[in-house]
C-alpha cells in the first residue's frame, strides 16, 4: 500500500515537473519571438519589417488605422518627404498583412498620418506622458526591444504599470 501511494506521488510530481518546464519554456520563447501569425501573412510581415527598419522602427499595424496604411502604400514615393522603393509585389504582400492587422477608421474621423494623431496609439498609451513630436527614440525609451518589433518588453518603470 505504501509503495503504491509513493509511486502515484512520484508519477504526479514528474508530470507536474514536465508541465512546469513546458510552461516556462513557452513563456520564455514567447517573450523573445514575434507574435505568431498565420503563414499567409508571414511574407508580408517580413517584407514590411525589412522595408521599414532601414529608416525607422517598424510600428505594429494595430496603432494606425487601415486607411492610413492604404494611403502610405499607395504612394511610397511620398513617404513623409522620403521616397521608399517598393516593388508592386512587396506592396501587395505588405498591404495584405497591414490590412489584416490594422483597425478601421470611424466614419467622419480625420485620417491620422502621425502616431500622435492616432486614437489607437493614444488608447494603448493612456497614462504615458508623450513628448511632441514622437520619434523612434520615444518608442525605444519604454519599449526595450522596439528595434526587434517587440513592443511588449518594457523598461522597469512601465513593466508593472496598470
Protein backbone atom coordinates (compact mmCIF):
# COMPACT_ATOMS: atom_id res chain seq x y z
CA UNK A 1 0.00 0.00 0.00
CA UNK A 2 2.75 2.41 0.98
CA UNK A 3 4.77 1.79 -2.21
CA UNK A 4 1.68 2.22 -4.44
CA UNK A 5 0.94 5.59 -2.83
CA UNK A 6 4.59 6.57 -3.17
CA UNK A 7 4.65 5.65 -6.88
CA UNK A 8 1.49 7.67 -7.56
CA UNK A 9 3.00 10.67 -5.79
CA UNK A 10 6.26 10.30 -7.72
CA UNK A 11 4.36 9.99 -11.02
CA UNK A 12 2.31 13.09 -10.19
CA UNK A 13 5.48 15.05 -9.34
CA UNK A 14 7.12 14.01 -12.64
CA UNK A 15 4.04 15.07 -14.63
CA UNK A 16 3.87 18.36 -12.72
CA UNK A 17 7.58 18.95 -13.35
CA UNK A 18 7.20 18.32 -17.09
CA UNK A 19 4.20 20.64 -17.21
CA UNK A 20 6.08 23.44 -15.42
CA UNK A 21 9.11 23.05 -17.69
CA UNK A 22 6.90 23.24 -20.79
CA UNK A 23 5.08 26.25 -19.41
CA UNK A 24 8.34 28.02 -18.60
CA UNK A 25 9.83 27.25 -22.00
CA UNK A 26 6.69 28.50 -23.72
CA UNK A 27 6.75 31.79 -21.83
CA UNK A 28 10.44 32.35 -22.48
CA UNK A 29 10.05 31.66 -26.20
CA UNK A 30 7.02 33.94 -26.40
CA UNK A 31 8.96 36.76 -24.80
CA UNK A 32 11.75 36.54 -27.38
CA UNK A 33 9.83 35.97 -30.59
CA UNK A 34 7.42 37.82 -32.78
CA UNK A 35 3.72 37.36 -32.22
CA UNK A 36 2.64 34.20 -34.09
CA UNK A 37 0.58 34.92 -37.19
CA UNK A 38 -0.95 32.69 -39.87
CA UNK A 39 1.53 31.60 -42.53
CA UNK A 40 -0.42 33.57 -45.15
CA UNK A 41 0.79 36.86 -43.58
CA UNK A 42 4.38 35.87 -42.76
CA UNK A 43 5.89 37.08 -46.04
CA UNK A 44 4.00 40.37 -45.74
CA UNK A 45 5.22 40.96 -42.20
CA UNK A 46 8.82 40.11 -43.12
CA UNK A 47 8.68 42.41 -46.16
CA UNK A 48 7.15 45.15 -44.01
CA UNK A 49 9.86 44.83 -41.35
CA UNK A 50 12.69 44.75 -43.90
CA UNK A 51 11.29 47.74 -45.82
CA UNK A 52 10.78 49.93 -42.75
CA UNK A 53 13.65 49.15 -40.44
CA UNK A 54 16.23 50.70 -42.74
CA UNK A 55 15.00 54.18 -41.79
CA UNK A 56 12.93 53.85 -38.60
CA UNK A 57 11.37 51.41 -36.16
CA UNK A 58 8.59 49.42 -37.78
CA UNK A 59 5.47 50.09 -35.73
CA UNK A 60 2.76 47.48 -35.13
CA UNK A 61 -0.06 47.74 -37.68
CA UNK A 62 -2.61 48.00 -34.86
CA UNK A 63 -1.55 51.52 -33.87
CA UNK A 64 -2.67 53.12 -37.13
CA UNK A 65 -5.96 52.68 -38.97
CA UNK A 66 -6.19 50.64 -42.15
CA UNK A 67 -6.90 53.79 -44.18
CA UNK A 68 -3.60 55.36 -43.07
CA UNK A 69 -1.67 52.28 -44.17
CA UNK A 70 -3.51 52.32 -47.50
CA UNK A 71 -2.55 55.95 -48.09
CA UNK A 72 1.09 55.29 -47.22
CA UNK A 73 1.31 52.28 -49.53
CA UNK A 74 -0.49 53.92 -52.45
CA UNK A 75 2.31 56.46 -52.85
CA UNK A 76 5.52 55.07 -51.36
CA UNK A 77 7.50 57.68 -53.29
CA UNK A 78 5.94 60.28 -50.98
CA UNK A 79 6.55 58.68 -47.58
CA UNK A 80 6.93 61.59 -45.15
CA UNK A 81 9.13 63.52 -47.60
CA UNK A 82 11.13 60.40 -48.41
CA UNK A 83 10.91 58.07 -51.36
CA UNK A 84 10.60 54.38 -50.49
CA UNK A 85 11.43 51.94 -53.24
CA UNK A 86 8.85 49.16 -53.18
CA UNK A 87 8.13 46.66 -55.91
CA UNK A 88 4.44 46.13 -56.57
CA UNK A 89 4.68 42.56 -55.21
CA UNK A 90 6.13 43.95 -51.98
CA UNK A 91 3.30 46.46 -51.76
CA UNK A 92 0.72 43.69 -52.19
CA UNK A 93 2.35 41.49 -49.53
CA UNK A 94 2.70 44.38 -47.08
CA UNK A 95 -0.86 45.58 -47.73
CA UNK A 96 -2.27 42.11 -47.12
CA UNK A 97 -0.50 41.98 -43.75
CA UNK A 98 -1.30 45.57 -42.69
CA UNK A 99 -4.95 45.33 -43.73
CA UNK A 100 -5.39 42.14 -41.67
CA UNK A 101 -3.79 43.56 -38.51
CA UNK A 102 -4.81 47.22 -38.52
CA UNK A 103 -8.12 48.67 -37.39
CA UNK A 104 -10.82 50.60 -39.24
CA UNK A 105 -11.36 54.32 -39.03
CA UNK A 106 -14.65 55.67 -37.71
CA UNK A 107 -16.93 57.33 -40.22
CA UNK A 108 -16.09 61.08 -40.42
CA UNK A 109 -12.96 60.57 -38.29
CA UNK A 110 -9.94 62.52 -39.59
CA UNK A 111 -7.22 60.37 -41.13
CA UNK A 112 -4.21 60.29 -38.77
CA UNK A 113 -0.89 60.39 -40.57
CA UNK A 114 1.30 60.53 -37.47
CA UNK A 115 1.33 58.37 -34.36
CA UNK A 116 0.38 61.21 -32.04
CA UNK A 117 -2.80 61.72 -34.11
CA UNK A 118 -3.93 58.09 -33.88
CA UNK A 119 -6.64 57.28 -31.34
CA UNK A 120 -5.39 53.68 -31.33
CA UNK A 121 -1.92 54.79 -30.32
CA UNK A 122 -3.39 57.03 -27.63
CA UNK A 123 -5.58 54.17 -26.34
CA UNK A 124 -2.51 51.96 -25.97
CA UNK A 125 -0.67 54.69 -24.01
CA UNK A 126 -3.34 56.15 -21.70
CA UNK A 127 -1.09 57.35 -18.87
CA UNK A 128 2.15 57.82 -20.77
CA UNK A 129 3.40 61.41 -20.96
CA UNK A 130 4.45 61.51 -24.60
CA UNK A 131 6.76 64.16 -25.99
CA UNK A 132 5.82 66.06 -29.13
CA UNK A 133 6.73 65.15 -31.78
CA UNK A 134 7.16 61.41 -31.33
CA UNK A 135 10.30 59.85 -32.74
CA UNK A 136 11.68 56.33 -32.85
CA UNK A 137 13.74 57.23 -29.78
CA UNK A 138 10.47 57.89 -27.97
CA UNK A 139 9.41 54.26 -28.54
CA UNK A 140 12.81 52.86 -27.55
CA UNK A 141 12.74 54.78 -24.26
CA UNK A 142 9.99 52.50 -22.91
CA UNK A 143 10.00 49.51 -25.28
CA UNK A 144 13.41 47.92 -24.81
CA UNK A 145 13.23 45.71 -27.91
CA UNK A 146 11.32 48.00 -30.25
CA UNK A 147 14.06 47.56 -32.87
CA UNK A 148 13.17 43.85 -32.91
CA UNK A 149 9.43 44.57 -33.28
CA UNK A 150 8.86 43.56 -29.65
CA UNK A 151 6.68 46.21 -28.05
CA UNK A 152 5.68 44.03 -25.08
CA UNK A 153 9.04 44.20 -23.30
CA UNK A 154 9.04 47.38 -21.25
CA UNK A 155 11.50 49.24 -19.07
CA UNK A 156 11.16 48.54 -15.33
CA UNK A 157 9.42 51.90 -14.90
CA UNK A 158 6.48 50.74 -17.06
CA UNK A 159 6.71 46.96 -16.70
CA UNK A 160 4.18 46.66 -13.88
CA UNK A 161 2.15 49.78 -14.51
CA UNK A 162 -1.64 49.37 -14.70
